[in-house]
Amino acid sequence: QVQLVESGGGLVQPGGSLRLSCEASTSIFSIYDLGWYRQAPGKQRELVAGLRSRSMPNYPDSVKGRFTISRDNAKNMVYLQMNSLKPEDTAVYYCNVLINGRPRGSWGQGTQVTVSS
């Protein structure tokens, strides 16, 4: 199963930016669709960015226009650029590989993002 390691989280003020990174341990990274998820305390994990082959990235309305997902197949990396951060973006962020739209890799430890003044 694909192992994933997220990094790049931290404490940021409202309106600030962060770039999250995720490295996947697989020799066939380029064939996978990818997703970034987040889980806030007491809430279910939710998809915040999806990147599927031959499709435009998709985002929920809550982050559309502020978050951007990208990938570097040569490095087995997926990124999440987060701008104009809000306190409600506070959560642990995870990445995963997707098969038929569902996460199929092993969930990593995630990276904590805290947006607070």
C-alpha atoms as a PDB file:
ATOM      1  CA  GLN A   1       0.000   0.000   0.000  1.00  0.00           C
ATOM      2  CA  VAL A   2       1.197   3.497  -0.804  1.00  0.00           C
ATOM      3  CA  GLN A   3       2.730   5.299   2.167  1.00  0.00           C
ATOM      4  CA  LEU A   4       2.320   9.068   2.415  1.00  0.00           C
ATOM      5  CA  VAL A   5       4.182  11.666   4.452  1.00  0.00           C
ATOM      6  CA  GLU A   6       2.814  15.189   4.798  1.00  0.00           C
ATOM      7  CA  SER A   7       4.720  18.288   5.859  1.00  0.00           C
ATOM      8  CA  GLY A   8       4.569  22.060   5.790  1.00  0.00           C
ATOM      9  CA  GLY A   9       1.878  22.835   8.334  1.00  0.00           C
ATOM     10  CA  GLY A  10       2.172  25.388  11.091  1.00  0.00           C
ATOM     11  CA  LEU A  11       0.657  28.390  12.806  1.00  0.00           C
ATOM     12  CA  VAL A  12      -0.356  31.243  10.539  1.00  0.00           C
ATOM     13  CA  GLN A  13      -2.386  34.405  10.985  1.00  0.00           C
ATOM     14  CA  PRO A  14      -5.698  34.877   9.188  1.00  0.00           C
ATOM     15  CA  GLY A  15      -5.049  35.991   5.640  1.00  0.00           C
ATOM     16  CA  GLY A  16      -1.708  34.221   5.527  1.00  0.00           C
ATOM     17  CA  SER A  17      -0.445  31.427   3.295  1.00  0.00           C
ATOM     18  CA  LEU A  18       1.058  27.991   3.658  1.00  0.00           C
ATOM     19  CA  ARG A  19       2.293  25.400   1.210  1.00  0.00           C
ATOM     20  CA  LEU A  20       1.819  21.787   2.200  1.00  0.00           C
ATOM     21  CA  SER A  21       3.871  18.982   0.716  1.00  0.00           C
ATOM     22  CA  CYS A  22       3.281  15.259   0.536  1.00  0.00           C
ATOM     23  CA  GLU A  23       5.655  12.546  -0.600  1.00  0.00           C
ATOM     24  CA  ALA A  24       4.309   9.200  -1.777  1.00  0.00           C
ATOM     25  CA  SER A  25       6.235   5.941  -1.689  1.00  0.00           C
ATOM     26  CA  THR A  26       5.328   4.302  -4.959  1.00  0.00           C
ATOM     27  CA  SER A  27       7.068   3.655  -8.239  1.00  0.00           C
ATOM     28  CA  ILE A  28       3.862   4.280 -10.158  1.00  0.00           C
ATOM     29  CA  PHE A  29       2.967   7.660  -8.654  1.00  0.00           C
ATOM     30  CA  SER A  30       2.169   9.223 -12.011  1.00  0.00           C
ATOM     31  CA  ILE A  31      -0.828   6.968 -12.654  1.00  0.00           C
ATOM     32  CA  TYR A  32      -2.664   7.942  -9.490  1.00  0.00           C
ATOM     33  CA  ASP A  33      -5.271  10.587  -8.998  1.00  0.00           C
ATOM     34  CA  LEU A  34      -4.504  12.605  -5.875  1.00  0.00           C
ATOM     35  CA  GLY A  35      -6.361  14.336  -3.097  1.00  0.00           C
ATOM     36  CA  TRP A  36      -5.819  16.547  -0.075  1.00  0.00           C
ATOM     37  CA  TYR A  37      -8.113  16.090   2.885  1.00  0.00           C
ATOM     38  CA  ARG A  38      -8.522  17.757   6.231  1.00  0.00           C
ATOM     39  CA  GLN A  39     -10.027  16.839   9.560  1.00  0.00           C
ATOM     40  CA  ALA A  40     -10.939  19.397  12.174  1.00  0.00           C
ATOM     41  CA  PRO A  41     -11.595  18.397  15.811  1.00  0.00           C
ATOM     42  CA  GLY A  42     -14.976  16.736  16.149  1.00  0.00           C
ATOM     43  CA  LYS A  43     -15.573  16.694  12.403  1.00  0.00           C
ATOM     44  CA  GLN A  44     -15.311  14.118   9.657  1.00  0.00           C
ATOM     45  CA  ARG A  45     -12.425  14.087   7.255  1.00  0.00           C
ATOM     46  CA  GLU A  46     -13.289  16.033   4.107  1.00  0.00           C
ATOM     47  CA  LEU A  47     -11.759  16.370   0.673  1.00  0.00           C
ATOM     48  CA  VAL A  48     -10.448  19.876   0.022  1.00  0.00           C
ATOM     49  CA  ALA A  49      -8.679  19.342  -3.296  1.00  0.00           C
ATOM     50  CA  GLY A  50      -8.768  16.632  -5.933  1.00  0.00           C
ATOM     51  CA  LEU A  51      -6.504  16.184  -8.929  1.00  0.00           C
ATOM     52  CA  ARG A  52      -7.631  13.643 -11.503  1.00  0.00           C
ATOM     53  CA  SER A  53      -6.065  12.831 -14.840  1.00  0.00           C
ATOM     54  CA  ARG A  54      -7.587  14.582 -17.839  1.00  0.00           C
ATOM     55  CA  SER A  55      -9.705  16.738 -15.531  1.00  0.00           C
ATOM     56  CA  MET A  56      -9.452  20.130 -13.965  1.00  0.00           C
ATOM     57  CA  PRO A  57      -8.706  20.140 -10.235  1.00  0.00           C
ATOM     58  CA  ASN A  58     -11.806  20.193  -8.079  1.00  0.00           C
ATOM     59  CA  TYR A  59     -12.367  22.027  -4.820  1.00  0.00           C
ATOM     60  CA  PRO A  60     -15.318  22.469  -2.485  1.00  0.00           C
ATOM     61  CA  ASP A  61     -16.801  25.937  -2.331  1.00  0.00           C
ATOM     62  CA  SER A  62     -15.238  26.482   1.089  1.00  0.00           C
ATOM     63  CA  VAL A  63     -11.712  26.645  -0.371  1.00  0.00           C
ATOM     64  CA  LYS A  64     -12.298  27.390  -4.069  1.00  0.00           C
ATOM     65  CA  GLY A  65     -10.180  30.286  -5.224  1.00  0.00           C
ATOM     66  CA  ARG A  66      -7.890  30.025  -2.208  1.00  0.00           C
ATOM     67  CA  PHE A  67      -6.368  26.527  -2.415  1.00  0.00           C
ATOM     68  CA  THR A  68      -4.421  25.051  -5.327  1.00  0.00           C
ATOM     69  CA  ILE A  69      -3.338  21.435  -5.706  1.00  0.00           C
ATOM     70  CA  SER A  70      -0.372  20.498  -7.873  1.00  0.00           C
ATOM     71  CA  ARG A  71       1.959  17.573  -8.410  1.00  0.00           C
ATOM     72  CA  ASP A  72       5.518  16.773  -9.409  1.00  0.00           C
ATOM     73  CA  ASN A  73       5.620  13.241 -10.790  1.00  0.00           C
ATOM     74  CA  ALA A  74       9.416  13.252 -11.012  1.00  0.00           C
ATOM     75  CA  LYS A  75       9.610  13.692  -7.239  1.00  0.00           C
ATOM     76  CA  ASN A  76       6.529  11.696  -6.218  1.00  0.00           C
ATOM     77  CA  MET A  77       5.199  14.854  -4.596  1.00  0.00           C
ATOM     78  CA  VAL A  78       1.836  16.536  -4.316  1.00  0.00           C
ATOM     79  CA  TYR A  79       1.408  20.053  -2.997  1.00  0.00           C
ATOM     80  CA  LEU A  80      -1.356  22.219  -1.601  1.00  0.00           C
ATOM     81  CA  GLN A  81      -0.908  25.966  -1.808  1.00  0.00           C
ATOM     82  CA  MET A  82      -3.254  27.642   0.652  1.00  0.00           C
ATOM     83  CA  ASN A  83      -3.828  31.384   0.496  1.00  0.00           C
ATOM     84  CA  SER A  84      -6.113  33.770   2.355  1.00  0.00           C
ATOM     85  CA  LEU A  85      -6.328  31.325   5.211  1.00  0.00           C
ATOM     86  CA  LYS A  86      -9.230  31.556   7.635  1.00  0.00           C
ATOM     87  CA  PRO A  87      -9.626  30.274  11.203  1.00  0.00           C
ATOM     88  CA  GLU A  88     -12.070  27.673   9.873  1.00  0.00           C
ATOM     89  CA  ASP A  89      -9.242  26.163   7.824  1.00  0.00           C
ATOM     90  CA  THR A  90      -7.672  24.969  11.058  1.00  0.00           C
ATOM     91  CA  ALA A  91      -7.351  21.180  10.835  1.00  0.00           C
ATOM     92  CA  VAL A  92      -4.963  18.306  10.296  1.00  0.00           C
ATOM     93  CA  TYR A  93      -4.291  17.985   6.587  1.00  0.00           C
ATOM     94  CA  TYR A  94      -3.678  14.682   4.825  1.00  0.00           C
ATOM     95  CA  CYS A  95      -2.935  13.615   1.282  1.00  0.00           C
ATOM     96  CA  ASN A  96      -3.817  10.372  -0.404  1.00  0.00           C
ATOM     97  CA  VAL A  97      -3.825   8.611  -3.737  1.00  0.00           C
ATOM     98  CA  LEU A  98      -7.249   8.049  -5.236  1.00  0.00           C
ATOM     99  CA  ILE A  99      -8.666   5.106  -7.128  1.00  0.00           C
ATOM    100  CA  ASN A 100     -12.157   5.567  -8.534  1.00  0.00           C
ATOM    101  CA  GLY A 101     -12.396   8.705  -6.469  1.00  0.00           C
ATOM    102  CA  ARG A 102     -11.678   6.994  -3.162  1.00  0.00           C
ATOM    103  CA  PRO A 103      -8.536   7.250  -1.001  1.00  0.00           C
ATOM    104  CA  ARG A 104      -6.544   4.018  -1.236  1.00  0.00           C
ATOM    105  CA  GLY A 105      -3.183   4.724   0.356  1.00  0.00           C
ATOM    106  CA  SER A 106      -2.233   4.395   4.000  1.00  0.00           C
ATOM    107  CA  TRP A 107      -3.169   7.533   5.875  1.00  0.00           C
ATOM    108  CA  GLY A 108      -0.106   9.350   7.145  1.00  0.00           C
ATOM    109  CA  GLN A 109       0.162  11.360  10.339  1.00  0.00           C
ATOM    110  CA  GLY A 110      -0.956  14.488   8.553  1.00  0.00           C
ATOM    111  CA  THR A 111       0.279  17.993   9.147  1.00  0.00           C
ATOM    112  CA  GLN A 112      -1.396  20.436  11.523  1.00  0.00           C
ATOM    113  CA  VAL A 113      -2.531  23.788  10.178  1.00  0.00           C
ATOM    114  CA  THR A 114      -3.635  26.351  12.732  1.00  0.00           C
ATOM    115  CA  VAL A 115      -4.992  29.706  11.621  1.00  0.00           C
ATOM    116  CA  SER A 116      -5.171  32.114  14.506  1.00  0.00           C
ATOM    117  CA  SER A 117      -4.235  35.631  15.466  1.00  0.00           C
END
